[in-house]
Amino acid sequence: MQNSYLMLGAALFAIGSFGLLIRRNPLVMFMCIELMLNAVNITFVAFSKQLDDVAGQAVVFFVLVIAAAEVVVGLGIIVAIMRRRPNVNADDLSLMKG
């Protein structure tokens, strides 16, 4: 049963990394990063269950708390950028330095 969770985590991580490399929309890239983060969380829980140790589950809890704060800040920045320029590309974000 653990192998199926590990394969699910690997598949989700691969999908997220593929989307991160292919897509240039910052919102889609942000969602791909979150998908990769959740894939790592699934892997942590699978190994935690396999080793009968709750430390992995505690790490997942803290990662979820930090990810929630990251989502609030990251989505706020991305939405603010996309309101100013509706056709934004990840390569164009370097022009906004200043």
PDB file of N, CA and C in Angstrom:
ATOM      1  N   MET A   1       0.821  -1.198   0.000  1.00  0.00           N
ATOM      2  CA  MET A   1       0.000   0.000   0.000  1.00  0.00           C
ATOM      3  C   MET A   1       0.866   1.264   0.000  1.00  0.00           C
ATOM      4  N   GLN A   2       2.034   1.175   0.675  1.00  0.00           N
ATOM      5  CA  GLN A   2       2.900   2.355   0.733  1.00  0.00           C
ATOM      6  C   GLN A   2       3.449   2.693  -0.643  1.00  0.00           C
ATOM      7  N   ASN A   3       3.680   1.648  -1.443  1.00  0.00           N
ATOM      8  CA  ASN A   3       4.231   1.898  -2.777  1.00  0.00           C
ATOM      9  C   ASN A   3       3.281   2.716  -3.636  1.00  0.00           C
ATOM     10  N   SER A   4       1.984   2.495  -3.462  1.00  0.00           N
ATOM     11  CA  SER A   4       1.027   3.268  -4.262  1.00  0.00           C
ATOM     12  C   SER A   4       1.052   4.739  -3.859  1.00  0.00           C
ATOM     13  N   TYR A   5       1.231   5.019  -2.566  1.00  0.00           N
ATOM     14  CA  TYR A   5       1.330   6.415  -2.131  1.00  0.00           C
ATOM     15  C   TYR A   5       2.620   7.060  -2.632  1.00  0.00           C
ATOM     16  N   LEU A   6       3.694   6.286  -2.616  1.00  0.00           N
ATOM     17  CA  LEU A   6       4.962   6.816  -3.122  1.00  0.00           C
ATOM     18  C   LEU A   6       4.899   7.054  -4.625  1.00  0.00           C
ATOM     19  N   MET A   7       4.237   6.159  -5.342  1.00  0.00           N
ATOM     20  CA  MET A   7       4.079   6.362  -6.785  1.00  0.00           C
ATOM     21  C   MET A   7       3.181   7.556  -7.070  1.00  0.00           C
ATOM     22  N   LEU A   8       2.130   7.736  -6.264  1.00  0.00           N
ATOM     23  CA  LEU A   8       1.267   8.904  -6.417  1.00  0.00           C
ATOM     24  C   LEU A   8       2.053  10.184  -6.165  1.00  0.00           C
ATOM     25  N   GLY A   9       2.862  10.192  -5.112  1.00  0.00           N
ATOM     26  CA  GLY A   9       3.688  11.362  -4.824  1.00  0.00           C
ATOM     27  C   GLY A   9       4.676  11.655  -5.939  1.00  0.00           C
ATOM     28  N   ALA A  10       5.291  10.607  -6.483  1.00  0.00           N
ATOM     29  CA  ALA A  10       6.244  10.802  -7.580  1.00  0.00           C
ATOM     30  C   ALA A  10       5.541  11.316  -8.832  1.00  0.00           C
ATOM     31  N   ALA A  11       4.349  10.782  -9.109  1.00  0.00           N
ATOM     32  CA  ALA A  11       3.605  11.230 -10.293  1.00  0.00           C
ATOM     33  C   ALA A  11       3.179  12.686 -10.149  1.00  0.00           C
ATOM     34  N   LEU A  12       2.683  13.062  -8.973  1.00  0.00           N
ATOM     35  CA  LEU A  12       2.277  14.451  -8.755  1.00  0.00           C
ATOM     36  C   LEU A  12       3.471  15.394  -8.840  1.00  0.00           C
ATOM     37  N   PHE A  13       4.604  14.966  -8.299  1.00  0.00           N
ATOM     38  CA  PHE A  13       5.799  15.800  -8.371  1.00  0.00           C
ATOM     39  C   PHE A  13       6.258  15.959  -9.817  1.00  0.00           C
ATOM     40  N   ALA A  14       6.186  14.881 -10.594  1.00  0.00           N
ATOM     41  CA  ALA A  14       6.587  14.954 -12.000  1.00  0.00           C
ATOM     42  C   ALA A  14       5.652  15.866 -12.788  1.00  0.00           C
ATOM     43  N   ILE A  15       4.349  15.771 -12.527  1.00  0.00           N
ATOM     44  CA  ILE A  15       3.387  16.642 -13.211  1.00  0.00           C
ATOM     45  C   ILE A  15       3.646  18.099 -12.851  1.00  0.00           C
ATOM     46  N   GLY A  16       3.896  18.359 -11.563  1.00  0.00           N
ATOM     47  CA  GLY A  16       4.170  19.724 -11.130  1.00  0.00           C
ATOM     48  C   GLY A  16       5.447  20.283 -11.723  1.00  0.00           C
ATOM     49  N   SER A  17       6.498  19.481 -11.756  1.00  0.00           N
ATOM     50  CA  SER A  17       7.756  19.977 -12.323  1.00  0.00           C
ATOM     51  C   SER A  17       7.649  20.158 -13.832  1.00  0.00           C
ATOM     52  N   PHE A  18       6.911  19.278 -14.502  1.00  0.00           N
ATOM     53  CA  PHE A  18       6.692  19.435 -15.941  1.00  0.00           C
ATOM     54  C   PHE A  18       5.919  20.722 -16.220  1.00  0.00           C
ATOM     55  N   GLY A  19       4.870  20.967 -15.442  1.00  0.00           N
ATOM     56  CA  GLY A  19       4.092  22.194 -15.618  1.00  0.00           C
ATOM     57  C   GLY A  19       4.897  23.440 -15.312  1.00  0.00           C
ATOM     58  N   LEU A  20       5.775  23.351 -14.324  1.00  0.00           N
ATOM     59  CA  LEU A  20       6.610  24.495 -13.964  1.00  0.00           C
ATOM     60  C   LEU A  20       7.600  24.828 -15.074  1.00  0.00           C
ATOM     61  N   LEU A  21       8.111  23.810 -15.736  1.00  0.00           N
ATOM     62  CA  LEU A  21       9.077  24.041 -16.807  1.00  0.00           C
ATOM     63  C   LEU A  21       8.418  24.478 -18.108  1.00  0.00           C
ATOM     64  N   ILE A  22       7.208  24.032 -18.359  1.00  0.00           N
ATOM     65  CA  ILE A  22       6.556  24.290 -19.642  1.00  0.00           C
ATOM     66  C   ILE A  22       5.758  25.587 -19.640  1.00  0.00           C
ATOM     67  N   ARG A  23       4.975  25.827 -18.608  1.00  0.00           N
ATOM     68  CA  ARG A  23       4.066  26.973 -18.601  1.00  0.00           C
ATOM     69  C   ARG A  23       4.790  28.243 -18.187  1.00  0.00           C
ATOM     70  N   ARG A  24       4.349  29.391 -18.696  1.00  0.00           N
ATOM     71  CA  ARG A  24       4.969  30.669 -18.388  1.00  0.00           C
ATOM     72  C   ARG A  24       4.033  31.598 -17.635  1.00  0.00           C
ATOM     73  N   ASN A  25       2.796  31.198 -17.406  1.00  0.00           N
ATOM     74  CA  ASN A  25       1.855  32.010 -16.647  1.00  0.00           C
ATOM     75  C   ASN A  25       2.211  31.900 -15.157  1.00  0.00           C
ATOM     76  N   PRO A  26       2.419  33.023 -14.471  1.00  0.00           N
ATOM     77  CA  PRO A  26       2.828  32.952 -13.066  1.00  0.00           C
ATOM     78  C   PRO A  26       1.815  32.244 -12.166  1.00  0.00           C
ATOM     79  N   LEU A  27       0.539  32.393 -12.446  1.00  0.00           N
ATOM     80  CA  LEU A  27      -0.476  31.733 -11.625  1.00  0.00           C
ATOM     81  C   LEU A  27      -0.404  30.218 -11.795  1.00  0.00           C
ATOM     82  N   VAL A  28      -0.236  29.757 -13.010  1.00  0.00           N
ATOM     83  CA  VAL A  28      -0.114  28.320 -13.267  1.00  0.00           C
ATOM     84  C   VAL A  28       1.189  27.789 -12.676  1.00  0.00           C
ATOM     85  N   MET A  29       2.255  28.567 -12.766  1.00  0.00           N
ATOM     86  CA  MET A  29       3.523  28.153 -12.174  1.00  0.00           C
ATOM     87  C   MET A  29       3.403  28.034 -10.658  1.00  0.00           C
ATOM     88  N   PHE A  30       2.669  28.954 -10.046  1.00  0.00           N
ATOM     89  CA  PHE A  30       2.451  28.913  -8.603  1.00  0.00           C
ATOM     90  C   PHE A  30       1.659  27.665  -8.223  1.00  0.00           C
ATOM     91  N   MET A  31       0.641  27.327  -9.015  1.00  0.00           N
ATOM     92  CA  MET A  31      -0.143  26.122  -8.737  1.00  0.00           C
ATOM     93  C   MET A  31       0.704  24.864  -8.912  1.00  0.00           C
ATOM     94  N   CYS A  32       1.624  24.865  -9.856  1.00  0.00           N
ATOM     95  CA  CYS A  32       2.509  23.715 -10.044  1.00  0.00           C
ATOM     96  C   CYS A  32       3.456  23.549  -8.859  1.00  0.00           C
ATOM     97  N   ILE A  33       3.930  24.654  -8.314  1.00  0.00           N
ATOM     98  CA  ILE A  33       4.782  24.584  -7.122  1.00  0.00           C
ATOM     99  C   ILE A  33       3.997  24.020  -5.944  1.00  0.00           C
ATOM    100  N   GLU A  34       2.752  24.436  -5.798  1.00  0.00           N
ATOM    101  CA  GLU A  34       1.914  23.907  -4.723  1.00  0.00           C
ATOM    102  C   GLU A  34       1.646  22.417  -4.924  1.00  0.00           C
ATOM    103  N   LEU A  35       1.473  21.990  -6.161  1.00  0.00           N
ATOM    104  CA  LEU A  35       1.279  20.568  -6.457  1.00  0.00           C
ATOM    105  C   LEU A  35       2.515  19.771  -6.065  1.00  0.00           C
ATOM    106  N   MET A  36       3.688  20.316  -6.358  1.00  0.00           N
ATOM    107  CA  MET A  36       4.930  19.651  -5.975  1.00  0.00           C
ATOM    108  C   MET A  36       5.070  19.584  -4.457  1.00  0.00           C
ATOM    109  N   LEU A  37       4.668  20.637  -3.772  1.00  0.00           N
ATOM    110  CA  LEU A  37       4.725  20.656  -2.313  1.00  0.00           C
ATOM    111  C   LEU A  37       3.805  19.594  -1.718  1.00  0.00           C
ATOM    112  N   ASN A  38       2.615  19.446  -2.278  1.00  0.00           N
ATOM    113  CA  ASN A  38       1.695  18.423  -1.786  1.00  0.00           C
ATOM    114  C   ASN A  38       2.189  17.017  -2.109  1.00  0.00           C
ATOM    115  N   ALA A  39       2.898  16.853  -3.214  1.00  0.00           N
ATOM    116  CA  ALA A  39       3.485  15.552  -3.533  1.00  0.00           C
ATOM    117  C   ALA A  39       4.533  15.164  -2.494  1.00  0.00           C
ATOM    118  N   VAL A  40       5.326  16.128  -2.079  1.00  0.00           N
ATOM    119  CA  VAL A  40       6.322  15.862  -1.038  1.00  0.00           C
ATOM    120  C   VAL A  40       5.629  15.531   0.282  1.00  0.00           C
ATOM    121  N   ASN A  41       4.527  16.203   0.579  1.00  0.00           N
ATOM    122  CA  ASN A  41       3.778  15.902   1.796  1.00  0.00           C
ATOM    123  C   ASN A  41       3.236  14.477   1.779  1.00  0.00           C
ATOM    124  N   ILE A  42       2.714  14.028   0.639  1.00  0.00           N
ATOM    125  CA  ILE A  42       2.222  12.651   0.529  1.00  0.00           C
ATOM    126  C   ILE A  42       3.364  11.668   0.764  1.00  0.00           C
ATOM    127  N   THR A  43       4.533  11.977   0.243  1.00  0.00           N
ATOM    128  CA  THR A  43       5.687  11.107   0.431  1.00  0.00           C
ATOM    129  C   THR A  43       6.117  11.076   1.897  1.00  0.00           C
ATOM    130  N   PHE A  44       6.113  12.227   2.557  1.00  0.00           N
ATOM    131  CA  PHE A  44       6.434  12.267   3.988  1.00  0.00           C
ATOM    132  C   PHE A  44       5.475  11.401   4.786  1.00  0.00           C
ATOM    133  N   VAL A  45       4.187  11.495   4.510  1.00  0.00           N
ATOM    134  CA  VAL A  45       3.196  10.710   5.249  1.00  0.00           C
ATOM    135  C   VAL A  45       3.375   9.221   4.969  1.00  0.00           C
ATOM    136  N   ALA A  46       3.667   8.859   3.726  1.00  0.00           N
ATOM    137  CA  ALA A  46       3.868   7.448   3.386  1.00  0.00           C
ATOM    138  C   ALA A  46       5.071   6.871   4.135  1.00  0.00           C
ATOM    139  N   PHE A  47       6.180   7.594   4.144  1.00  0.00           N
ATOM    140  CA  PHE A  47       7.352   7.105   4.869  1.00  0.00           C
ATOM    141  C   PHE A  47       7.118   7.111   6.374  1.00  0.00           C
ATOM    142  N   SER A  48       6.379   8.080   6.864  1.00  0.00           N
ATOM    143  CA  SER A  48       6.076   8.133   8.288  1.00  0.00           C
ATOM    144  C   SER A  48       5.244   6.932   8.707  1.00  0.00           C
ATOM    145  N   LYS A  49       4.289   6.567   7.889  1.00  0.00           N
ATOM    146  CA  LYS A  49       3.461   5.399   8.200  1.00  0.00           C
ATOM    147  C   LYS A  49       4.271   4.114   8.090  1.00  0.00           C
ATOM    148  N   GLN A  50       5.151   4.045   7.111  1.00  0.00           N
ATOM    149  CA  GLN A  50       5.960   2.849   6.917  1.00  0.00           C
ATOM    150  C   GLN A  50       6.932   2.642   8.078  1.00  0.00           C
ATOM    151  N   LEU A  51       7.470   3.710   8.611  1.00  0.00           N
ATOM    152  CA  LEU A  51       8.444   3.618   9.701  1.00  0.00           C
ATOM    153  C   LEU A  51       7.807   3.696  11.082  1.00  0.00           C
ATOM    154  N   ASP A  52       6.480   3.833  11.141  1.00  0.00           N
ATOM    155  CA  ASP A  52       5.750   3.975  12.411  1.00  0.00           C
ATOM    156  C   ASP A  52       6.311   5.110  13.262  1.00  0.00           C
ATOM    157  N   ASP A  53       6.529   6.235  12.633  1.00  0.00           N
ATOM    158  CA  ASP A  53       7.055   7.407  13.314  1.00  0.00           C
ATOM    159  C   ASP A  53       6.167   8.594  12.968  1.00  0.00           C
ATOM    160  N   VAL A  54       5.766   9.350  13.979  1.00  0.00           N
ATOM    161  CA  VAL A  54       4.877  10.484  13.730  1.00  0.00           C
ATOM    162  C   VAL A  54       5.645  11.752  13.369  1.00  0.00           C
ATOM    163  N   ALA A  55       6.954  11.691  13.334  1.00  0.00           N
ATOM    164  CA  ALA A  55       7.740  12.885  13.015  1.00  0.00           C
ATOM    165  C   ALA A  55       7.456  13.365  11.595  1.00  0.00           C
ATOM    166  N   GLY A  56       7.289  12.443  10.666  1.00  0.00           N
ATOM    167  CA  GLY A  56       6.971  12.833   9.293  1.00  0.00           C
ATOM    168  C   GLY A  56       5.629  13.527   9.196  1.00  0.00           C
ATOM    169  N   GLN A  57       4.656  13.056   9.972  1.00  0.00           N
ATOM    170  CA  GLN A  57       3.342  13.688   9.964  1.00  0.00           C
ATOM    171  C   GLN A  57       3.391  15.058  10.618  1.00  0.00           C
ATOM    172  N   ALA A  58       4.239  15.220  11.618  1.00  0.00           N
ATOM    173  CA  ALA A  58       4.406  16.535  12.237  1.00  0.00           C
ATOM    174  C   ALA A  58       5.057  17.510  11.259  1.00  0.00           C
ATOM    175  N   VAL A  59       6.015  17.021  10.487  1.00  0.00           N
ATOM    176  CA  VAL A  59       6.649  17.866   9.470  1.00  0.00           C
ATOM    177  C   VAL A  59       5.622  18.300   8.441  1.00  0.00           C
ATOM    178  N   VAL A  60       4.747  17.381   8.035  1.00  0.00           N
ATOM    179  CA  VAL A  60       3.701  17.710   7.061  1.00  0.00           C
ATOM    180  C   VAL A  60       2.781  18.782   7.617  1.00  0.00           C
ATOM    181  N   PHE A  61       2.443  18.690   8.897  1.00  0.00           N
ATOM    182  CA  PHE A  61       1.584  19.703   9.507  1.00  0.00           C
ATOM    183  C   PHE A  61       2.231  21.083   9.439  1.00  0.00           C
ATOM    184  N   PHE A  62       3.503  21.170   9.778  1.00  0.00           N
ATOM    185  CA  PHE A  62       4.193  22.460   9.733  1.00  0.00           C
ATOM    186  C   PHE A  62       4.363  22.960   8.300  1.00  0.00           C
ATOM    187  N   VAL A  63       4.598  22.052   7.377  1.00  0.00           N
ATOM    188  CA  VAL A  63       4.709  22.453   5.970  1.00  0.00           C
ATOM    189  C   VAL A  63       3.378  23.004   5.477  1.00  0.00           C
ATOM    190  N   LEU A  64       2.267  22.390   5.882  1.00  0.00           N
ATOM    191  CA  LEU A  64       0.951  22.892   5.479  1.00  0.00           C
ATOM    192  C   LEU A  64       0.674  24.275   6.054  1.00  0.00           C
ATOM    193  N   VAL A  65       1.096  24.514   7.286  1.00  0.00           N
ATOM    194  CA  VAL A  65       0.901  25.834   7.895  1.00  0.00           C
ATOM    195  C   VAL A  65       1.723  26.885   7.152  1.00  0.00           C
ATOM    196  N   ILE A  66       2.962  26.565   6.855  1.00  0.00           N
ATOM    197  CA  ILE A  66       3.811  27.506   6.125  1.00  0.00           C
ATOM    198  C   ILE A  66       3.296  27.703   4.705  1.00  0.00           C
ATOM    199  N   ALA A  67       2.798  26.633   4.087  1.00  0.00           N
ATOM    200  CA  ALA A  67       2.263  26.740   2.728  1.00  0.00           C
ATOM    201  C   ALA A  67       1.020  27.618   2.690  1.00  0.00           C
ATOM    202  N   ALA A  68       0.217  27.586   3.750  1.00  0.00           N
ATOM    203  CA  ALA A  68      -0.965  28.449   3.788  1.00  0.00           C
ATOM    204  C   ALA A  68      -0.553  29.921   3.799  1.00  0.00           C
ATOM    205  N   ALA A  69       0.469  30.252   4.569  1.00  0.00           N
ATOM    206  CA  ALA A  69       0.959  31.632   4.575  1.00  0.00           C
ATOM    207  C   ALA A  69       1.574  31.993   3.225  1.00  0.00           C
ATOM    208  N   GLU A  70       2.259  31.046   2.624  1.00  0.00           N
ATOM    209  CA  GLU A  70       2.855  31.279   1.304  1.00  0.00           C
ATOM    210  C   GLU A  70       1.778  31.535   0.257  1.00  0.00           C
ATOM    211  N   VAL A  71       0.693  30.802   0.331  1.00  0.00           N
ATOM    212  CA  VAL A  71      -0.401  30.982  -0.628  1.00  0.00           C
ATOM    213  C   VAL A  71      -1.004  32.370  -0.492  1.00  0.00           C
ATOM    214  N   VAL A  72      -1.194  32.820   0.725  1.00  0.00           N
ATOM    215  CA  VAL A  72      -1.781  34.147   0.938  1.00  0.00           C
ATOM    216  C   VAL A  72      -0.888  35.229   0.338  1.00  0.00           C
ATOM    217  N   VAL A  73       0.382  35.182   0.640  1.00  0.00           N
ATOM    218  CA  VAL A  73       1.301  36.204   0.140  1.00  0.00           C
ATOM    219  C   VAL A  73       1.524  36.055  -1.364  1.00  0.00           C
ATOM    220  N   GLY A  74       1.779  34.835  -1.810  1.00  0.00           N
ATOM    221  CA  GLY A  74       2.063  34.608  -3.224  1.00  0.00           C
ATOM    222  C   GLY A  74       0.893  34.939  -4.125  1.00  0.00           C
ATOM    223  N   LEU A  75      -0.300  34.488  -3.758  1.00  0.00           N
ATOM    224  CA  LEU A  75      -1.466  34.798  -4.586  1.00  0.00           C
ATOM    225  C   LEU A  75      -1.776  36.284  -4.572  1.00  0.00           C
ATOM    226  N   GLY A  76      -1.565  36.936  -3.440  1.00  0.00           N
ATOM    227  CA  GLY A  76      -1.778  38.381  -3.386  1.00  0.00           C
ATOM    228  C   GLY A  76      -0.871  39.124  -4.353  1.00  0.00           C
ATOM    229  N   ILE A  77       0.390  38.736  -4.384  1.00  0.00           N
ATOM    230  CA  ILE A  77       1.339  39.378  -5.298  1.00  0.00           C
ATOM    231  C   ILE A  77       0.990  39.069  -6.746  1.00  0.00           C
ATOM    232  N   ILE A  78       0.681  37.815  -7.027  1.00  0.00           N
ATOM    233  CA  ILE A  78       0.375  37.426  -8.411  1.00  0.00           C
ATOM    234  C   ILE A  78      -0.894  38.094  -8.907  1.00  0.00           C
ATOM    235  N   VAL A  79      -1.923  38.150  -8.068  1.00  0.00           N
ATOM    236  CA  VAL A  79      -3.177  38.801  -8.480  1.00  0.00           C
ATOM    237  C   VAL A  79      -2.957  40.292  -8.691  1.00  0.00           C
ATOM    238  N   ALA A  80      -2.151  40.931  -7.838  1.00  0.00           N
ATOM    239  CA  ALA A  80      -1.868  42.357  -8.019  1.00  0.00           C
ATOM    240  C   ALA A  80      -1.128  42.606  -9.333  1.00  0.00           C
ATOM    241  N   ILE A  81      -0.202  41.734  -9.663  1.00  0.00           N
ATOM    242  CA  ILE A  81       0.524  41.882 -10.929  1.00  0.00           C
ATOM    243  C   ILE A  81      -0.404  41.646 -12.108  1.00  0.00           C
ATOM    244  N   MET A  82      -1.260  40.640 -11.999  1.00  0.00           N
ATOM    245  CA  MET A  82      -2.140  40.305 -13.123  1.00  0.00           C
ATOM    246  C   MET A  82      -3.250  41.336 -13.316  1.00  0.00           C
ATOM    247  N   ARG A  83      -3.585  42.076 -12.289  1.00  0.00           N
ATOM    248  CA  ARG A  83      -4.563  43.154 -12.453  1.00  0.00           C
ATOM    249  C   ARG A  83      -3.963  44.319 -13.232  1.00  0.00           C
ATOM    250  N   ARG A  84      -2.695  44.578 -13.010  1.00  0.00           N
ATOM    251  CA  ARG A  84      -2.036  45.680 -13.723  1.00  0.00           C
ATOM    252  C   ARG A  84      -1.745  45.317 -15.168  1.00  0.00           C
ATOM    253  N   ARG A  85      -1.353  44.073 -15.390  1.00  0.00           N
ATOM    254  CA  ARG A  85      -1.028  43.601 -16.743  1.00  0.00           C
ATOM    255  C   ARG A  85      -1.693  42.246 -16.944  1.00  0.00           C
ATOM    256  N   PRO A  86      -2.812  42.199 -17.665  1.00  0.00           N
ATOM    257  CA  PRO A  86      -3.549  40.938 -17.791  1.00  0.00           C
ATOM    258  C   PRO A  86      -2.794  39.844 -18.553  1.00  0.00           C
ATOM    259  N   ASN A  87      -1.966  40.206 -19.494  1.00  0.00           N
ATOM    260  CA  ASN A  87      -1.215  39.218 -20.275  1.00  0.00           C
ATOM    261  C   ASN A  87       0.219  39.142 -19.768  1.00  0.00           C
ATOM    262  N   VAL A  88       0.375  38.710 -18.546  1.00  0.00           N
ATOM    263  CA  VAL A  88       1.704  38.682 -17.944  1.00  0.00           C
ATOM    264  C   VAL A  88       2.359  37.326 -18.220  1.00  0.00           C
ATOM    265  N   ASN A  89       3.646  37.369 -18.425  1.00  0.00           N
ATOM    266  CA  ASN A  89       4.455  36.196 -18.684  1.00  0.00           C
ATOM    267  C   ASN A  89       5.540  36.153 -17.609  1.00  0.00           C
ATOM    268  N   ALA A  90       6.013  34.979 -17.258  1.00  0.00           N
ATOM    269  CA  ALA A  90       7.029  34.866 -16.214  1.00  0.00           C
ATOM    270  C   ALA A  90       8.315  35.591 -16.601  1.00  0.00           C
ATOM    271  N   ASP A  91       8.601  35.638 -17.885  1.00  0.00           N
ATOM    272  CA  ASP A  91       9.804  36.345 -18.331  1.00  0.00           C
ATOM    273  C   ASP A  91       9.655  37.854 -18.186  1.00  0.00           C
ATOM    274  N   ASP A  92       8.419  38.358 -18.190  1.00  0.00           N
ATOM    275  CA  ASP A  92       8.175  39.794 -18.046  1.00  0.00           C
ATOM    276  C   ASP A  92       8.294  40.269 -16.601  1.00  0.00           C
ATOM    277  N   LEU A  93       8.277  39.358 -15.639  1.00  0.00           N
ATOM    278  CA  LEU A  93       8.308  39.761 -14.235  1.00  0.00           C
ATOM    279  C   LEU A  93       9.635  40.395 -13.849  1.00  0.00           C
ATOM    280  N   SER A  94      10.698  40.079 -14.539  1.00  0.00           N
ATOM    281  CA  SER A  94      11.990  40.693 -14.221  1.00  0.00           C
ATOM    282  C   SER A  94      12.000  42.174 -14.596  1.00  0.00           C
ATOM    283  N   LEU A  95      11.088  42.584 -15.466  1.00  0.00           N
ATOM    284  CA  LEU A  95      11.000  43.997 -15.836  1.00  0.00           C
ATOM    285  C   LEU A  95      10.385  44.844 -14.723  1.00  0.00           C
ATOM    286  N   MET A  96       9.751  44.200 -13.742  1.00  0.00           N
ATOM    287  CA  MET A  96       9.054  44.934 -12.690  1.00  0.00           C
ATOM    288  C   MET A  96       9.960  45.248 -11.507  1.00  0.00           C
ATOM    289  N   LYS A  97      11.246  44.961 -11.617  1.00  0.00           N
ATOM    290  CA  LYS A  97      12.180  45.303 -10.548  1.00  0.00           C
ATOM    291  C   LYS A  97      12.259  46.812 -10.422  1.00  0.00           C
ATOM    292  N   GLY A  98      12.492  47.264  -9.219  1.00  0.00           N
ATOM    293  CA  GLY A  98      12.669  48.688  -9.145  1.00  0.00           C
ATOM    294  C   GLY A  98      12.327  49.219  -7.855  1.00  0.00           C
TER     295      GLY A  98
END
